Amino acid sequence: MAIPKYFEMYRTFLECLKDGKVHTTKEMKNAVISAFNLSEDDVTEMLPSGRQRVFENRIGWCRTYLKKADLIISPARGQFVITERGLQVLSQEGEINDNTLMQFPQFVKFKKGEYVQVDLNETPEEKLKEESTPQEVLESSYEELNNALVNELLSEILEMDPYKFEKLVVDLLVRMGYGKLQYDSKVTKKSGDEGIDGVVTADKLGFDSIYVQAK
């Protein structure tokens, strides 16, 4: 099953706390994993950066937002208790999402910086951002910029003079560590090179050479 969005965890998180007792982070995680029937692969899936698990990121923002809306409190590190407001919200039918939390000034101030009217006619792009955690939005933006840069570079390379392209490939290999700038690296002459477009030497005497064909 797909990992639920952070706001899709709200109700399950509150349900686990409805007995009014103190519950730990581990208990909350297990409750969400069980409620959404998440597999080991789901739980261990990483964000694009590879620095954090998707599940950990989303449940982390789930509890942060519930806490900022004063639906839960944390009496000690890694421990949570539901509040009266949390019980009231839990007793209401329907989905609990960010629009539900936006009725509370504390949450609005945290999320938006000031009290604003929630726009229910948002674009699909805006809705996608609202459904993602801040970390996911940052990584998505990074990926979009990276893809745009790749496409721009490819366009420039495709329009490049063939001999400049050969030089680019040799320079790239040097920068990637196949040879070092202080050692000899060169592009071969335009004709009579038997298909060899460049040579990168990885040692000072030139015994260890890499012959390059750029296509």
C-alpha atoms as a PDB file:
ATOM      1  CA  MET A   1       0.000   0.000   0.000  1.00  0.00           C
ATOM      2  CA  ALA A   2       1.200   3.528  -0.742  1.00  0.00           C
ATOM      3  CA  ILE A   3       2.558   5.499   2.192  1.00  0.00           C
ATOM      4  CA  PRO A   4      -0.211   7.837   3.411  1.00  0.00           C
ATOM      5  CA  LYS A   5       0.234  11.595   3.202  1.00  0.00           C
ATOM      6  CA  TYR A   6       1.062  13.276   6.502  1.00  0.00           C
ATOM      7  CA  PHE A   7      -2.496  14.609   6.916  1.00  0.00           C
ATOM      8  CA  GLU A   8      -3.967  11.169   6.198  1.00  0.00           C
ATOM      9  CA  MET A   9      -2.247  10.036   9.385  1.00  0.00           C
ATOM     10  CA  TYR A  10      -3.996  12.645  11.555  1.00  0.00           C
ATOM     11  CA  ARG A  11      -7.044  10.595  12.514  1.00  0.00           C
ATOM     12  CA  THR A  12      -5.092   7.384  13.193  1.00  0.00           C
ATOM     13  CA  PHE A  13      -2.601   9.332  15.303  1.00  0.00           C
ATOM     14  CA  LEU A  14      -5.409  10.845  17.387  1.00  0.00           C
ATOM     15  CA  GLU A  15      -7.281   7.526  17.630  1.00  0.00           C
ATOM     16  CA  CYS A  16      -4.220   5.975  19.257  1.00  0.00           C
ATOM     17  CA  LEU A  17      -4.271   8.715  21.903  1.00  0.00           C
ATOM     18  CA  LYS A  18      -8.027   8.875  22.574  1.00  0.00           C
ATOM     19  CA  ASP A  19      -7.699   6.885  25.817  1.00  0.00           C
ATOM     20  CA  GLY A  20      -6.074   9.975  27.345  1.00  0.00           C
ATOM     21  CA  LYS A  21      -2.931   8.104  28.322  1.00  0.00           C
ATOM     22  CA  VAL A  22       0.663   8.912  27.429  1.00  0.00           C
ATOM     23  CA  HIS A  23       1.879   7.074  24.344  1.00  0.00           C
ATOM     24  CA  THR A  24       5.351   6.886  22.830  1.00  0.00           C
ATOM     25  CA  THR A  25       6.569   7.687  19.330  1.00  0.00           C
ATOM     26  CA  LYS A  26       7.115   3.966  18.722  1.00  0.00           C
ATOM     27  CA  GLU A  27       3.504   3.217  19.612  1.00  0.00           C
ATOM     28  CA  MET A  28       2.268   5.925  17.244  1.00  0.00           C
ATOM     29  CA  LYS A  29       4.394   4.614  14.387  1.00  0.00           C
ATOM     30  CA  ASN A  30       3.208   1.052  14.920  1.00  0.00           C
ATOM     31  CA  ALA A  31      -0.415   2.228  15.005  1.00  0.00           C
ATOM     32  CA  VAL A  32      -0.087   4.025  11.671  1.00  0.00           C
ATOM     33  CA  ILE A  33       1.815   1.126  10.078  1.00  0.00           C
ATOM     34  CA  SER A  34      -0.898  -1.292  11.197  1.00  0.00           C
ATOM     35  CA  ALA A  35      -3.828   0.962  10.222  1.00  0.00           C
ATOM     36  CA  PHE A  36      -2.524   1.458   6.678  1.00  0.00           C
ATOM     37  CA  ASN A  37      -1.138  -2.085   6.351  1.00  0.00           C
ATOM     38  CA  LEU A  38       2.294  -0.804   5.363  1.00  0.00           C
ATOM     39  CA  SER A  39       4.939  -3.282   4.299  1.00  0.00           C
ATOM     40  CA  GLU A  40       8.615  -3.292   5.238  1.00  0.00           C
ATOM     41  CA  ASP A  41       9.397  -1.834   1.810  1.00  0.00           C
ATOM     42  CA  ASP A  42       6.904   0.978   2.418  1.00  0.00           C
ATOM     43  CA  VAL A  43       8.403   1.845   5.785  1.00  0.00           C
ATOM     44  CA  THR A  44      11.984   1.793   4.510  1.00  0.00           C
ATOM     45  CA  GLU A  45      11.367   3.793   1.301  1.00  0.00           C
ATOM     46  CA  MET A  46      13.733   6.765   1.160  1.00  0.00           C
ATOM     47  CA  LEU A  47      13.245  10.340   0.005  1.00  0.00           C
ATOM     48  CA  PRO A  48      15.046  11.204  -3.278  1.00  0.00           C
ATOM     49  CA  SER A  49      17.980  12.631  -1.319  1.00  0.00           C
ATOM     50  CA  GLY A  50      18.448   9.291   0.448  1.00  0.00           C
ATOM     51  CA  ARG A  51      18.840  11.075   3.784  1.00  0.00           C
ATOM     52  CA  GLN A  52      15.541  10.188   5.424  1.00  0.00           C
ATOM     53  CA  ARG A  53      12.741   7.659   5.101  1.00  0.00           C
ATOM     54  CA  VAL A  54       9.484   8.924   3.584  1.00  0.00           C
ATOM     55  CA  PHE A  55       7.422   7.390   6.394  1.00  0.00           C
ATOM     56  CA  GLU A  56       9.558   8.954   9.129  1.00  0.00           C
ATOM     57  CA  ASN A  57       9.344  12.340   7.416  1.00  0.00           C
ATOM     58  CA  ARG A  58       5.570  12.256   7.039  1.00  0.00           C
ATOM     59  CA  ILE A  59       4.714  10.974  10.495  1.00  0.00           C
ATOM     60  CA  GLY A  60       7.127  13.535  11.919  1.00  0.00           C
ATOM     61  CA  TRP A  61       5.230  16.389  10.249  1.00  0.00           C
ATOM     62  CA  CYS A  62       1.935  14.766  11.221  1.00  0.00           C
ATOM     63  CA  ARG A  63       2.725  15.031  14.925  1.00  0.00           C
ATOM     64  CA  THR A  64       4.297  18.483  14.497  1.00  0.00           C
ATOM     65  CA  TYR A  65       1.141  19.875  12.877  1.00  0.00           C
ATOM     66  CA  LEU A  66      -1.167  18.229  15.416  1.00  0.00           C
ATOM     67  CA  LYS A  67       0.943  19.697  18.185  1.00  0.00           C
ATOM     68  CA  LYS A  68       0.972  23.180  16.616  1.00  0.00           C
ATOM     69  CA  ALA A  69      -2.832  23.027  16.362  1.00  0.00           C
ATOM     70  CA  ASP A  70      -2.930  22.095  20.059  1.00  0.00           C
ATOM     71  CA  LEU A  71      -4.631  18.772  19.357  1.00  0.00           C
ATOM     72  CA  ILE A  72      -1.859  16.937  21.181  1.00  0.00           C
ATOM     73  CA  ILE A  73       0.821  17.864  23.688  1.00  0.00           C
ATOM     74  CA  SER A  74       4.204  16.341  24.415  1.00  0.00           C
ATOM     75  CA  PRO A  75       4.846  16.077  28.173  1.00  0.00           C
ATOM     76  CA  ALA A  76       8.307  14.606  27.511  1.00  0.00           C
ATOM     77  CA  ARG A  77      10.522  13.842  24.551  1.00  0.00           C
ATOM     78  CA  GLY A  78       8.978  11.124  22.414  1.00  0.00           C
ATOM     79  CA  GLN A  79       5.729  11.076  24.430  1.00  0.00           C
ATOM     80  CA  PHE A  80       2.283  12.359  23.444  1.00  0.00           C
ATOM     81  CA  VAL A  81      -1.125  12.967  24.987  1.00  0.00           C
ATOM     82  CA  ILE A  82      -4.353  14.087  23.314  1.00  0.00           C
ATOM     83  CA  THR A  83      -5.941  17.380  24.410  1.00  0.00           C
ATOM     84  CA  GLU A  84      -9.614  18.287  24.844  1.00  0.00           C
ATOM     85  CA  ARG A  85      -9.461  20.028  21.479  1.00  0.00           C
ATOM     86  CA  GLY A  86      -8.004  16.882  19.968  1.00  0.00           C
ATOM     87  CA  LEU A  87     -10.854  14.776  21.352  1.00  0.00           C
ATOM     88  CA  GLN A  88     -13.401  17.256  19.971  1.00  0.00           C
ATOM     89  CA  VAL A  89     -11.856  17.112  16.498  1.00  0.00           C
ATOM     90  CA  LEU A  90     -11.644  13.323  16.653  1.00  0.00           C
ATOM     91  CA  SER A  91     -15.355  13.082  17.511  1.00  0.00           C
ATOM     92  CA  GLN A  92     -16.297  14.872  14.289  1.00  0.00           C
ATOM     93  CA  GLU A  93     -17.078  12.824  11.206  1.00  0.00           C
ATOM     94  CA  GLY A  94     -15.168  13.166   7.961  1.00  0.00           C
ATOM     95  CA  GLU A  95     -11.537  13.560   7.074  1.00  0.00           C
ATOM     96  CA  ILE A  96      -9.198  15.439   9.365  1.00  0.00           C
ATOM     97  CA  ASN A  97      -6.847  17.470   7.200  1.00  0.00           C
ATOM     98  CA  ASP A  98      -5.069  20.826   7.140  1.00  0.00           C
ATOM     99  CA  ASN A  99      -8.351  22.648   6.436  1.00  0.00           C
ATOM    100  CA  THR A 100      -9.615  21.193   9.717  1.00  0.00           C
ATOM    101  CA  LEU A 101      -6.546  22.497  11.539  1.00  0.00           C
ATOM    102  CA  MET A 102      -6.776  25.907   9.855  1.00  0.00           C
ATOM    103  CA  GLN A 103      -9.707  26.805  12.124  1.00  0.00           C
ATOM    104  CA  PHE A 104      -7.208  27.164  14.957  1.00  0.00           C
ATOM    105  CA  PRO A 105      -5.205  30.445  15.005  1.00  0.00           C
ATOM    106  CA  GLN A 106      -2.111  28.771  16.479  1.00  0.00           C
ATOM    107  CA  PHE A 107      -1.849  26.449  13.501  1.00  0.00           C
ATOM    108  CA  VAL A 108      -2.512  29.218  10.972  1.00  0.00           C
ATOM    109  CA  LYS A 109       0.216  31.355  12.496  1.00  0.00           C
ATOM    110  CA  PHE A 110       2.665  28.463  12.350  1.00  0.00           C
ATOM    111  CA  LYS A 111       1.762  27.393   8.791  1.00  0.00           C
ATOM    112  CA  LYS A 112       1.184  30.755   7.130  1.00  0.00           C
ATOM    113  CA  GLY A 113       2.723  33.314   9.446  1.00  0.00           C
ATOM    114  CA  GLU A 114      -0.557  35.180   9.794  1.00  0.00           C
ATOM    115  CA  TYR A 115      -4.278  34.528   9.678  1.00  0.00           C
ATOM    116  CA  VAL A 116      -5.391  34.064   6.086  1.00  0.00           C
ATOM    117  CA  GLN A 117      -8.484  32.838   4.316  1.00  0.00           C
ATOM    118  CA  VAL A 118      -8.033  29.272   3.047  1.00  0.00           C
ATOM    119  CA  ASP A 119      -8.410  29.132  -0.752  1.00  0.00           C
ATOM    120  CA  LEU A 120     -10.477  26.087  -1.637  1.00  0.00           C
ATOM    121  CA  ASN A 121     -10.113  26.819  -5.375  1.00  0.00           C
ATOM    122  CA  GLU A 122      -6.385  26.134  -5.453  1.00  0.00           C
ATOM    123  CA  THR A 123      -4.646  24.836  -8.576  1.00  0.00           C
ATOM    124  CA  PRO A 124      -3.492  21.182  -8.822  1.00  0.00           C
ATOM    125  CA  GLU A 125       0.117  22.362  -8.315  1.00  0.00           C
ATOM    126  CA  GLU A 126      -0.829  24.248  -5.158  1.00  0.00           C
ATOM    127  CA  LYS A 127      -2.819  21.258  -3.919  1.00  0.00           C
ATOM    128  CA  LEU A 128       0.177  18.976  -4.504  1.00  0.00           C
ATOM    129  CA  LYS A 129       2.360  21.264  -2.401  1.00  0.00           C
ATOM    130  CA  GLU A 130      -0.260  21.319   0.344  1.00  0.00           C
ATOM    131  CA  GLU A 131      -0.274  17.508   0.353  1.00  0.00           C
ATOM    132  CA  SER A 132       3.502  17.275   0.697  1.00  0.00           C
ATOM    133  CA  THR A 133       5.699  17.843   3.715  1.00  0.00           C
ATOM    134  CA  PRO A 134       8.105  20.815   3.575  1.00  0.00           C
ATOM    135  CA  GLN A 135      11.003  18.406   3.023  1.00  0.00           C
ATOM    136  CA  GLU A 136       9.216  16.773   0.086  1.00  0.00           C
ATOM    137  CA  VAL A 137       8.458  20.175  -1.448  1.00  0.00           C
ATOM    138  CA  LEU A 138      12.135  21.145  -1.212  1.00  0.00           C
ATOM    139  CA  GLU A 139      13.311  17.895  -2.756  1.00  0.00           C
ATOM    140  CA  SER A 140      10.701  18.114  -5.515  1.00  0.00           C
ATOM    141  CA  SER A 141      11.803  21.669  -6.322  1.00  0.00           C
ATOM    142  CA  TYR A 142      15.438  20.544  -6.369  1.00  0.00           C
ATOM    143  CA  GLU A 143      14.581  17.696  -8.731  1.00  0.00           C
ATOM    144  CA  GLU A 144      12.692  20.054 -11.064  1.00  0.00           C
ATOM    145  CA  LEU A 145      15.627  22.483 -11.160  1.00  0.00           C
ATOM    146  CA  ASN A 146      18.079  19.642 -11.717  1.00  0.00           C
ATOM    147  CA  ASN A 147      16.006  18.248 -14.603  1.00  0.00           C
ATOM    148  CA  ALA A 148      15.743  21.700 -16.157  1.00  0.00           C
ATOM    149  CA  LEU A 149      19.515  22.083 -15.924  1.00  0.00           C
ATOM    150  CA  VAL A 150      20.063  18.676 -17.530  1.00  0.00           C
ATOM    151  CA  ASN A 151      17.783  19.544 -20.440  1.00  0.00           C
ATOM    152  CA  GLU A 152      19.470  22.906 -20.904  1.00  0.00           C
ATOM    153  CA  LEU A 153      22.931  21.323 -20.925  1.00  0.00           C
ATOM    154  CA  LEU A 154      21.857  18.661 -23.408  1.00  0.00           C
ATOM    155  CA  SER A 155      20.471  21.341 -25.731  1.00  0.00           C
ATOM    156  CA  GLU A 156      23.751  23.244 -25.576  1.00  0.00           C
ATOM    157  CA  ILE A 157      25.814  20.082 -26.193  1.00  0.00           C
ATOM    158  CA  LEU A 158      23.698  19.038 -29.209  1.00  0.00           C
ATOM    159  CA  GLU A 159      24.408  22.404 -30.843  1.00  0.00           C
ATOM    160  CA  MET A 160      28.133  22.248 -30.078  1.00  0.00           C
ATOM    161  CA  ASP A 161      30.831  22.014 -32.746  1.00  0.00           C
ATOM    162  CA  PRO A 162      32.065  18.330 -32.977  1.00  0.00           C
ATOM    163  CA  TYR A 163      35.641  19.243 -32.055  1.00  0.00           C
ATOM    164  CA  LYS A 164      34.520  21.369 -29.111  1.00  0.00           C
ATOM    165  CA  PHE A 165      32.420  18.394 -28.038  1.00  0.00           C
ATOM    166  CA  GLU A 166      35.506  16.163 -28.098  1.00  0.00           C
ATOM    167  CA  LYS A 167      37.352  18.663 -25.902  1.00  0.00           C
ATOM    168  CA  LEU A 168      34.375  18.801 -23.540  1.00  0.00           C
ATOM    169  CA  VAL A 169      34.424  15.005 -23.127  1.00  0.00           C
ATOM    170  CA  VAL A 170      38.160  14.959 -22.375  1.00  0.00           C
ATOM    171  CA  ASP A 171      37.797  17.840 -19.874  1.00  0.00           C
ATOM    172  CA  LEU A 172      34.870  16.050 -18.244  1.00  0.00           C
ATOM    173  CA  LEU A 173      36.870  12.835 -17.817  1.00  0.00           C
ATOM    174  CA  VAL A 174      39.686  14.820 -16.192  1.00  0.00           C
ATOM    175  CA  ARG A 175      37.250  16.517 -13.808  1.00  0.00           C
ATOM    176  CA  MET A 176      35.710  13.130 -12.950  1.00  0.00           C
ATOM    177  CA  GLY A 177      39.091  11.910 -11.771  1.00  0.00           C
ATOM    178  CA  TYR A 178      40.213   9.729 -14.660  1.00  0.00           C
ATOM    179  CA  GLY A 179      43.208  12.017 -14.995  1.00  0.00           C
ATOM    180  CA  LYS A 180      44.407  15.078 -13.132  1.00  0.00           C
ATOM    181  CA  LEU A 181      44.693  18.597 -14.401  1.00  0.00           C
ATOM    182  CA  GLN A 182      48.408  18.773 -13.710  1.00  0.00           C
ATOM    183  CA  TYR A 183      48.941  15.690 -15.875  1.00  0.00           C
ATOM    184  CA  ASP A 184      48.725  15.660 -19.653  1.00  0.00           C
ATOM    185  CA  SER A 185      45.280  15.534 -21.253  1.00  0.00           C
ATOM    186  CA  LYS A 186      44.598  16.468 -24.833  1.00  0.00           C
ATOM    187  CA  VAL A 187      42.275  16.298 -27.800  1.00  0.00           C
ATOM    188  CA  THR A 188      43.790  14.589 -30.825  1.00  0.00           C
ATOM    189  CA  LYS A 189      44.126  16.297 -34.202  1.00  0.00           C
ATOM    190  CA  LYS A 190      41.065  16.562 -36.407  1.00  0.00           C
ATOM    191  CA  SER A 191      42.127  13.949 -38.980  1.00  0.00           C
ATOM    192  CA  GLY A 192      44.371  10.900 -39.095  1.00  0.00           C
ATOM    193  CA  ASP A 193      43.657  10.054 -35.464  1.00  0.00           C
ATOM    194  CA  GLU A 194      42.238   6.586 -36.322  1.00  0.00           C
ATOM    195  CA  GLY A 195      38.988   7.419 -34.527  1.00  0.00           C
ATOM    196  CA  ILE A 196      40.688   8.466 -31.291  1.00  0.00           C
ATOM    197  CA  ASP A 197      39.259  11.808 -30.188  1.00  0.00           C
ATOM    198  CA  GLY A 198      41.258  12.396 -27.038  1.00  0.00           C
ATOM    199  CA  VAL A 199      43.840  11.050 -24.631  1.00  0.00           C
ATOM    200  CA  VAL A 200      43.866  11.399 -20.854  1.00  0.00           C
ATOM    201  CA  THR A 201      47.043  10.386 -19.014  1.00  0.00           C
ATOM    202  CA  ALA A 202      46.739   9.468 -15.378  1.00  0.00           C
ATOM    203  CA  ASP A 203      50.422   9.507 -14.466  1.00  0.00           C
ATOM    204  CA  LYS A 204      53.258  11.979 -14.929  1.00  0.00           C
ATOM    205  CA  LEU A 205      55.239   9.798 -17.358  1.00  0.00           C
ATOM    206  CA  GLY A 206      52.220   9.122 -19.571  1.00  0.00           C
ATOM    207  CA  PHE A 207      52.395   5.339 -19.324  1.00  0.00           C
ATOM    208  CA  ASP A 208      48.828   5.010 -18.032  1.00  0.00           C
ATOM    209  CA  SER A 209      46.677   6.528 -20.774  1.00  0.00           C
ATOM    210  CA  ILE A 210      42.977   6.513 -21.553  1.00  0.00           C
ATOM    211  CA  TYR A 211      42.092   6.799 -25.257  1.00  0.00           C
ATOM    212  CA  VAL A 212      38.708   8.390 -25.842  1.00  0.00           C
ATOM    213  CA  GLN A 213      36.168   8.222 -28.636  1.00  0.00           C
ATOM    214  CA  ALA A 214      33.454  10.863 -28.259  1.00  0.00           C
ATOM    215  CA  LYS A 215      30.130  10.187 -29.990  1.00  0.00           C
END
